[in-house]
Structure formats: structure tokens, C-alpha cells
Amino acid sequence: MPVIFIDMWQGRTSAQKSQLAMGITAEFVKIGIPRNQVHIIFKDNDKSNWAIGGKLASEKQ
């Protein structure tokens, strides 16, 4: 049973997450994994909790 963790910035809608989950699941189904065994966990992160190159993403211009 694959478990896929997706960390991303906040702001995506439930419809966008659903579309992404369907697409990812479809790819696993293509390689023989039963659809009901694909688990996807979304973690929405505030940009102030994410740094790139030593700068918080919330500070990037």
C-alpha cells in the first residue's frame, strides 16, 4: 500500500487537491496498485513555516 505525502503551501482548494489525488492515484493504478490501496496525505504549510535559501518563503519577493 503506497502512502504519498504532499507538503505544499496553503491556498489550494479542495477541488484542486481532489484533481491532484485522482491523477496520482491513476498513475499507481497503471502499475497494478489497487485504487483503494493508494493513500495520499496533504499537508498545507504556511509560507512563514517554509524557508528557501535561508529566507522564509513569506519574505520572498
PDB file of N, CA and C in Angstrom:
ATOM      1  N   MET A   1       0.845  -1.167   0.000  1.00  0.00           N
ATOM      2  CA  MET A   1       0.000   0.000   0.000  1.00  0.00           C
ATOM      3  C   MET A   1       0.895   1.235   0.000  1.00  0.00           C
ATOM      4  N   PRO A   2       0.915   1.982  -1.088  1.00  0.00           N
ATOM      5  CA  PRO A   2       1.704   3.214  -1.086  1.00  0.00           C
ATOM      6  C   PRO A   2       1.016   4.318  -0.279  1.00  0.00           C
ATOM      7  N   VAL A   3       1.824   5.070   0.438  1.00  0.00           N
ATOM      8  CA  VAL A   3       1.353   6.254   1.149  1.00  0.00           C
ATOM      9  C   VAL A   3       2.166   7.419   0.612  1.00  0.00           C
ATOM     10  N   ILE A   4       1.494   8.381   0.024  1.00  0.00           N
ATOM     11  CA  ILE A   4       2.153   9.519  -0.596  1.00  0.00           C
ATOM     12  C   ILE A   4       1.883  10.750   0.259  1.00  0.00           C
ATOM     13  N   PHE A   5       2.950  11.418   0.673  1.00  0.00           N
ATOM     14  CA  PHE A   5       2.839  12.646   1.451  1.00  0.00           C
ATOM     15  C   PHE A   5       3.147  13.825   0.536  1.00  0.00           C
ATOM     16  N   ILE A   6       2.274  14.815   0.530  1.00  0.00           N
ATOM     17  CA  ILE A   6       2.469  16.000  -0.285  1.00  0.00           C
ATOM     18  C   ILE A   6       2.467  17.216   0.627  1.00  0.00           C
ATOM     19  N   ASP A   7       3.635  17.839   0.761  1.00  0.00           N
ATOM     20  CA  ASP A   7       3.767  19.081   1.523  1.00  0.00           C
ATOM     21  C   ASP A   7       3.736  20.226   0.534  1.00  0.00           C
ATOM     22  N   MET A   8       2.865  21.190   0.777  1.00  0.00           N
ATOM     23  CA  MET A   8       2.776  22.340  -0.110  1.00  0.00           C
ATOM     24  C   MET A   8       2.272  23.551   0.663  1.00  0.00           C
ATOM     25  N   TRP A   9       2.428  24.708   0.029  1.00  0.00           N
ATOM     26  CA  TRP A   9       1.937  25.917   0.670  1.00  0.00           C
ATOM     27  C   TRP A   9       0.418  25.924   0.701  1.00  0.00           C
ATOM     28  N   GLN A  10      -0.133  26.583   1.678  1.00  0.00           N
ATOM     29  CA  GLN A  10      -1.574  26.734   1.788  1.00  0.00           C
ATOM     30  C   GLN A  10      -2.114  27.490   0.585  1.00  0.00           C
ATOM     31  N   GLY A  11      -3.376  27.284   0.311  1.00  0.00           N
ATOM     32  CA  GLY A  11      -4.026  28.070  -0.723  1.00  0.00           C
ATOM     33  C   GLY A  11      -4.716  27.275  -1.808  1.00  0.00           C
ATOM     34  N   ARG A  12      -4.473  25.977  -1.874  1.00  0.00           N
ATOM     35  CA  ARG A  12      -5.159  25.180  -2.888  1.00  0.00           C
ATOM     36  C   ARG A  12      -6.558  24.831  -2.406  1.00  0.00           C
ATOM     37  N   THR A  13      -7.482  24.770  -3.325  1.00  0.00           N
ATOM     38  CA  THR A  13      -8.858  24.437  -2.976  1.00  0.00           C
ATOM     39  C   THR A  13      -9.022  22.920  -2.846  1.00  0.00           C
ATOM     40  N   SER A  14     -10.125  22.523  -2.258  1.00  0.00           N
ATOM     41  CA  SER A  14     -10.427  21.085  -2.165  1.00  0.00           C
ATOM     42  C   SER A  14     -10.550  20.481  -3.553  1.00  0.00           C
ATOM     43  N   ALA A  15     -11.109  21.227  -4.498  1.00  0.00           N
ATOM     44  CA  ALA A  15     -11.242  20.725  -5.868  1.00  0.00           C
ATOM     45  C   ALA A  15      -9.868  20.487  -6.493  1.00  0.00           C
ATOM     46  N   GLN A  16      -8.917  21.381  -6.246  1.00  0.00           N
ATOM     47  CA  GLN A  16      -7.561  21.203  -6.783  1.00  0.00           C
ATOM     48  C   GLN A  16      -6.886  19.986  -6.159  1.00  0.00           C
ATOM     49  N   LYS A  17      -7.055  19.813  -4.866  1.00  0.00           N
ATOM     50  CA  LYS A  17      -6.458  18.648  -4.194  1.00  0.00           C
ATOM     51  C   LYS A  17      -7.093  17.361  -4.706  1.00  0.00           C
ATOM     52  N   SER A  18      -8.389  17.389  -4.927  1.00  0.00           N
ATOM     53  CA  SER A  18      -9.082  16.215  -5.449  1.00  0.00           C
ATOM     54  C   SER A  18      -8.561  15.854  -6.826  1.00  0.00           C
ATOM     55  N   GLN A  19      -8.377  16.856  -7.682  1.00  0.00           N
ATOM     56  CA  GLN A  19      -7.852  16.618  -9.029  1.00  0.00           C
ATOM     57  C   GLN A  19      -6.454  16.015  -8.961  1.00  0.00           C
ATOM     58  N   LEU A  20      -5.616  16.538  -8.083  1.00  0.00           N
ATOM     59  CA  LEU A  20      -4.265  16.017  -7.918  1.00  0.00           C
ATOM     60  C   LEU A  20      -4.297  14.583  -7.405  1.00  0.00           C
ATOM     61  N   ALA A  21      -5.150  14.319  -6.420  1.00  0.00           N
ATOM     62  CA  ALA A  21      -5.259  12.966  -5.859  1.00  0.00           C
ATOM     63  C   ALA A  21      -5.720  11.964  -6.923  1.00  0.00           C
ATOM     64  N   MET A  22      -6.666  12.361  -7.749  1.00  0.00           N
ATOM     65  CA  MET A  22      -7.141  11.460  -8.809  1.00  0.00           C
ATOM     66  C   MET A  22      -6.026  11.152  -9.802  1.00  0.00           C
ATOM     67  N   GLY A  23      -5.258  12.180 -10.167  1.00  0.00           N
ATOM     68  CA  GLY A  23      -4.171  11.973 -11.126  1.00  0.00           C
ATOM     69  C   GLY A  23      -3.072  11.074 -10.583  1.00  0.00           C
ATOM     70  N   ILE A  24      -2.674  11.317  -9.351  1.00  0.00           N
ATOM     71  CA  ILE A  24      -1.628  10.496  -8.728  1.00  0.00           C
ATOM     72  C   ILE A  24      -2.107   9.055  -8.581  1.00  0.00           C
ATOM     73  N   THR A  25      -3.334   8.894  -8.114  1.00  0.00           N
ATOM     74  CA  THR A  25      -3.890   7.551  -7.943  1.00  0.00           C
ATOM     75  C   THR A  25      -3.927   6.810  -9.275  1.00  0.00           C
ATOM     76  N   ALA A  26      -4.329   7.503 -10.332  1.00  0.00           N
ATOM     77  CA  ALA A  26      -4.403   6.872 -11.657  1.00  0.00           C
ATOM     78  C   ALA A  26      -3.048   6.323 -12.093  1.00  0.00           C
ATOM     79  N   GLU A  27      -1.985   7.035 -11.775  1.00  0.00           N
ATOM     80  CA  GLU A  27      -0.642   6.568 -12.150  1.00  0.00           C
ATOM     81  C   GLU A  27      -0.273   5.290 -11.396  1.00  0.00           C
ATOM     82  N   PHE A  28      -0.645   5.191 -10.135  1.00  0.00           N
ATOM     83  CA  PHE A  28      -0.371   3.968  -9.378  1.00  0.00           C
ATOM     84  C   PHE A  28      -1.216   2.810  -9.897  1.00  0.00           C
ATOM     85  N   VAL A  29      -2.459   3.098 -10.273  1.00  0.00           N
ATOM     86  CA  VAL A  29      -3.323   2.051 -10.829  1.00  0.00           C
ATOM     87  C   VAL A  29      -2.705   1.485 -12.104  1.00  0.00           C
ATOM     88  N   LYS A  30      -2.081   2.347 -12.918  1.00  0.00           N
ATOM     89  CA  LYS A  30      -1.436   1.900 -14.162  1.00  0.00           C
ATOM     90  C   LYS A  30      -0.347   0.864 -13.924  1.00  0.00           C
ATOM     91  N   ILE A  31       0.280   0.903 -12.738  1.00  0.00           N
ATOM     92  CA  ILE A  31       1.346  -0.068 -12.456  1.00  0.00           C
ATOM     93  C   ILE A  31       0.854  -1.231 -11.591  1.00  0.00           C
ATOM     94  N   GLY A  32      -0.477  -1.345 -11.472  1.00  0.00           N
ATOM     95  CA  GLY A  32      -1.046  -2.522 -10.824  1.00  0.00           C
ATOM     96  C   GLY A  32      -1.437  -2.385  -9.363  1.00  0.00           C
ATOM     97  N   ILE A  33      -1.364  -1.191  -8.823  1.00  0.00           N
ATOM     98  CA  ILE A  33      -1.769  -0.994  -7.429  1.00  0.00           C
ATOM     99  C   ILE A  33      -3.277  -0.767  -7.398  1.00  0.00           C
ATOM    100  N   PRO A  34      -4.023  -1.513  -6.582  1.00  0.00           N
ATOM    101  CA  PRO A  34      -5.469  -1.282  -6.498  1.00  0.00           C
ATOM    102  C   PRO A  34      -5.766   0.143  -6.011  1.00  0.00           C
ATOM    103  N   ARG A  35      -6.733   0.774  -6.648  1.00  0.00           N
ATOM    104  CA  ARG A  35      -7.105   2.154  -6.342  1.00  0.00           C
ATOM    105  C   ARG A  35      -7.333   2.379  -4.843  1.00  0.00           C
ATOM    106  N   ASN A  36      -8.014   1.450  -4.198  1.00  0.00           N
ATOM    107  CA  ASN A  36      -8.342   1.631  -2.777  1.00  0.00           C
ATOM    108  C   ASN A  36      -7.145   1.458  -1.847  1.00  0.00           C
ATOM    109  N   GLN A  37      -5.993   1.108  -2.394  1.00  0.00           N
ATOM    110  CA  GLN A  37      -4.798   0.970  -1.562  1.00  0.00           C
ATOM    111  C   GLN A  37      -3.863   2.174  -1.666  1.00  0.00           C
ATOM    112  N   VAL A  38      -4.211   3.147  -2.488  1.00  0.00           N
ATOM    113  CA  VAL A  38      -3.379   4.344  -2.646  1.00  0.00           C
ATOM    114  C   VAL A  38      -3.840   5.394  -1.637  1.00  0.00           C
ATOM    115  N   HIS A  39      -2.953   5.738  -0.727  1.00  0.00           N
ATOM    116  CA  HIS A  39      -3.251   6.735   0.306  1.00  0.00           C
ATOM    117  C   HIS A  39      -2.434   7.992   0.029  1.00  0.00           C
ATOM    118  N   ILE A  40      -3.107   9.139   0.031  1.00  0.00           N
ATOM    119  CA  ILE A  40      -2.437  10.414  -0.205  1.00  0.00           C
ATOM    120  C   ILE A  40      -2.755  11.342   0.958  1.00  0.00           C
ATOM    121  N   ILE A  41      -1.707  11.909   1.537  1.00  0.00           N
ATOM    122  CA  ILE A  41      -1.869  12.808   2.679  1.00  0.00           C
ATOM    123  C   ILE A  41      -1.331  14.174   2.289  1.00  0.00           C
ATOM    124  N   PHE A  42      -2.209  15.167   2.315  1.00  0.00           N
ATOM    125  CA  PHE A  42      -1.818  16.539   2.009  1.00  0.00           C
ATOM    126  C   PHE A  42      -1.497  17.271   3.306  1.00  0.00           C
ATOM    127  N   LYS A  43      -0.420  18.024   3.291  1.00  0.00           N
ATOM    128  CA  LYS A  43      -0.079  18.873   4.435  1.00  0.00           C
ATOM    129  C   LYS A  43       0.104  20.288   3.903  1.00  0.00           C
ATOM    130  N   ASP A  44      -0.797  21.165   4.306  1.00  0.00           N
ATOM    131  CA  ASP A  44      -0.725  22.567   3.898  1.00  0.00           C
ATOM    132  C   ASP A  44       0.131  23.327   4.893  1.00  0.00           C
ATOM    133  N   ASN A  45       1.119  24.015   4.373  1.00  0.00           N
ATOM    134  CA  ASN A  45       2.046  24.756   5.226  1.00  0.00           C
ATOM    135  C   ASN A  45       1.929  26.251   4.966  1.00  0.00           C
ATOM    136  N   ASP A  46       1.956  27.015   6.018  1.00  0.00           N
ATOM    137  CA  ASP A  46       2.009  28.462   5.901  1.00  0.00           C
ATOM    138  C   ASP A  46       3.396  28.847   5.390  1.00  0.00           C
ATOM    139  N   LYS A  47       3.472  29.858   4.543  1.00  0.00           N
ATOM    140  CA  LYS A  47       4.767  30.263   3.986  1.00  0.00           C
ATOM    141  C   LYS A  47       5.748  30.714   5.069  1.00  0.00           C
ATOM    142  N   SER A  48       5.238  31.126   6.221  1.00  0.00           N
ATOM    143  CA  SER A  48       6.140  31.532   7.305  1.00  0.00           C
ATOM    144  C   SER A  48       6.794  30.328   7.976  1.00  0.00           C
ATOM    145  N   ASN A  49       6.355  29.118   7.633  1.00  0.00           N
ATOM    146  CA  ASN A  49       6.942  27.893   8.181  1.00  0.00           C
ATOM    147  C   ASN A  49       7.801  27.178   7.151  1.00  0.00           C
ATOM    148  N   TRP A  50       8.194  27.856   6.080  1.00  0.00           N
ATOM    149  CA  TRP A  50       8.927  27.242   4.974  1.00  0.00           C
ATOM    150  C   TRP A  50      10.030  28.195   4.563  1.00  0.00           C
ATOM    151  N   ALA A  51      11.251  27.723   4.519  1.00  0.00           N
ATOM    152  CA  ALA A  51      12.381  28.567   4.130  1.00  0.00           C
ATOM    153  C   ALA A  51      13.060  28.012   2.885  1.00  0.00           C
ATOM    154  N   ILE A  52      13.512  28.928   2.042  1.00  0.00           N
ATOM    155  CA  ILE A  52      14.236  28.574   0.828  1.00  0.00           C
ATOM    156  C   ILE A  52      15.491  29.434   0.791  1.00  0.00           C
ATOM    157  N   GLY A  53      16.627  28.803   0.749  1.00  0.00           N
ATOM    158  CA  GLY A  53      17.890  29.557   0.689  1.00  0.00           C
ATOM    159  C   GLY A  53      18.108  30.447   1.896  1.00  0.00           C
ATOM    160  N   GLY A  54      17.621  30.038   3.032  1.00  0.00           N
ATOM    161  CA  GLY A  54      17.828  30.797   4.264  1.00  0.00           C
ATOM    162  C   GLY A  54      16.813  31.903   4.493  1.00  0.00           C
ATOM    163  N   LYS A  55      15.853  32.077   3.599  1.00  0.00           N
ATOM    164  CA  LYS A  55      14.827  33.112   3.754  1.00  0.00           C
ATOM    165  C   LYS A  55      13.460  32.450   3.832  1.00  0.00           C
ATOM    166  N   LEU A  56      12.633  32.954   4.704  1.00  0.00           N
ATOM    167  CA  LEU A  56      11.270  32.447   4.781  1.00  0.00           C
ATOM    168  C   LEU A  56      10.558  32.749   3.472  1.00  0.00           C
ATOM    169  N   ALA A  57       9.759  31.800   3.032  1.00  0.00           N
ATOM    170  CA  ALA A  57       9.003  31.978   1.789  1.00  0.00           C
ATOM    171  C   ALA A  57       8.063  33.166   1.891  1.00  0.00           C
ATOM    172  N   SER A  58       7.609  33.456   3.094  1.00  0.00           N
ATOM    173  CA  SER A  58       6.713  34.600   3.284  1.00  0.00           C
ATOM    174  C   SER A  58       7.420  35.922   3.068  1.00  0.00           C
ATOM    175  N   GLU A  59       8.761  35.918   3.106  1.00  0.00           N
ATOM    176  CA  GLU A  59       9.554  37.141   2.921  1.00  0.00           C
ATOM    177  C   GLU A  59      10.023  37.307   1.481  1.00  0.00           C
ATOM    178  N   LYS A  60       9.895  36.264   0.685  1.00  0.00           N
ATOM    179  CA  LYS A  60      10.378  36.325  -0.703  1.00  0.00           C
ATOM    180  C   LYS A  60       9.556  37.304  -1.507  1.00  0.00           C
ATOM    181  N   GLN A  61      10.223  37.987  -2.417  1.00  0.00           N
ATOM    182  CA  GLN A  61       9.542  38.969  -3.279  1.00  0.00           C
ATOM    183  C   GLN A  61       9.440  38.422  -4.666  1.00  0.00           C
TER     184      GLN A  61
END
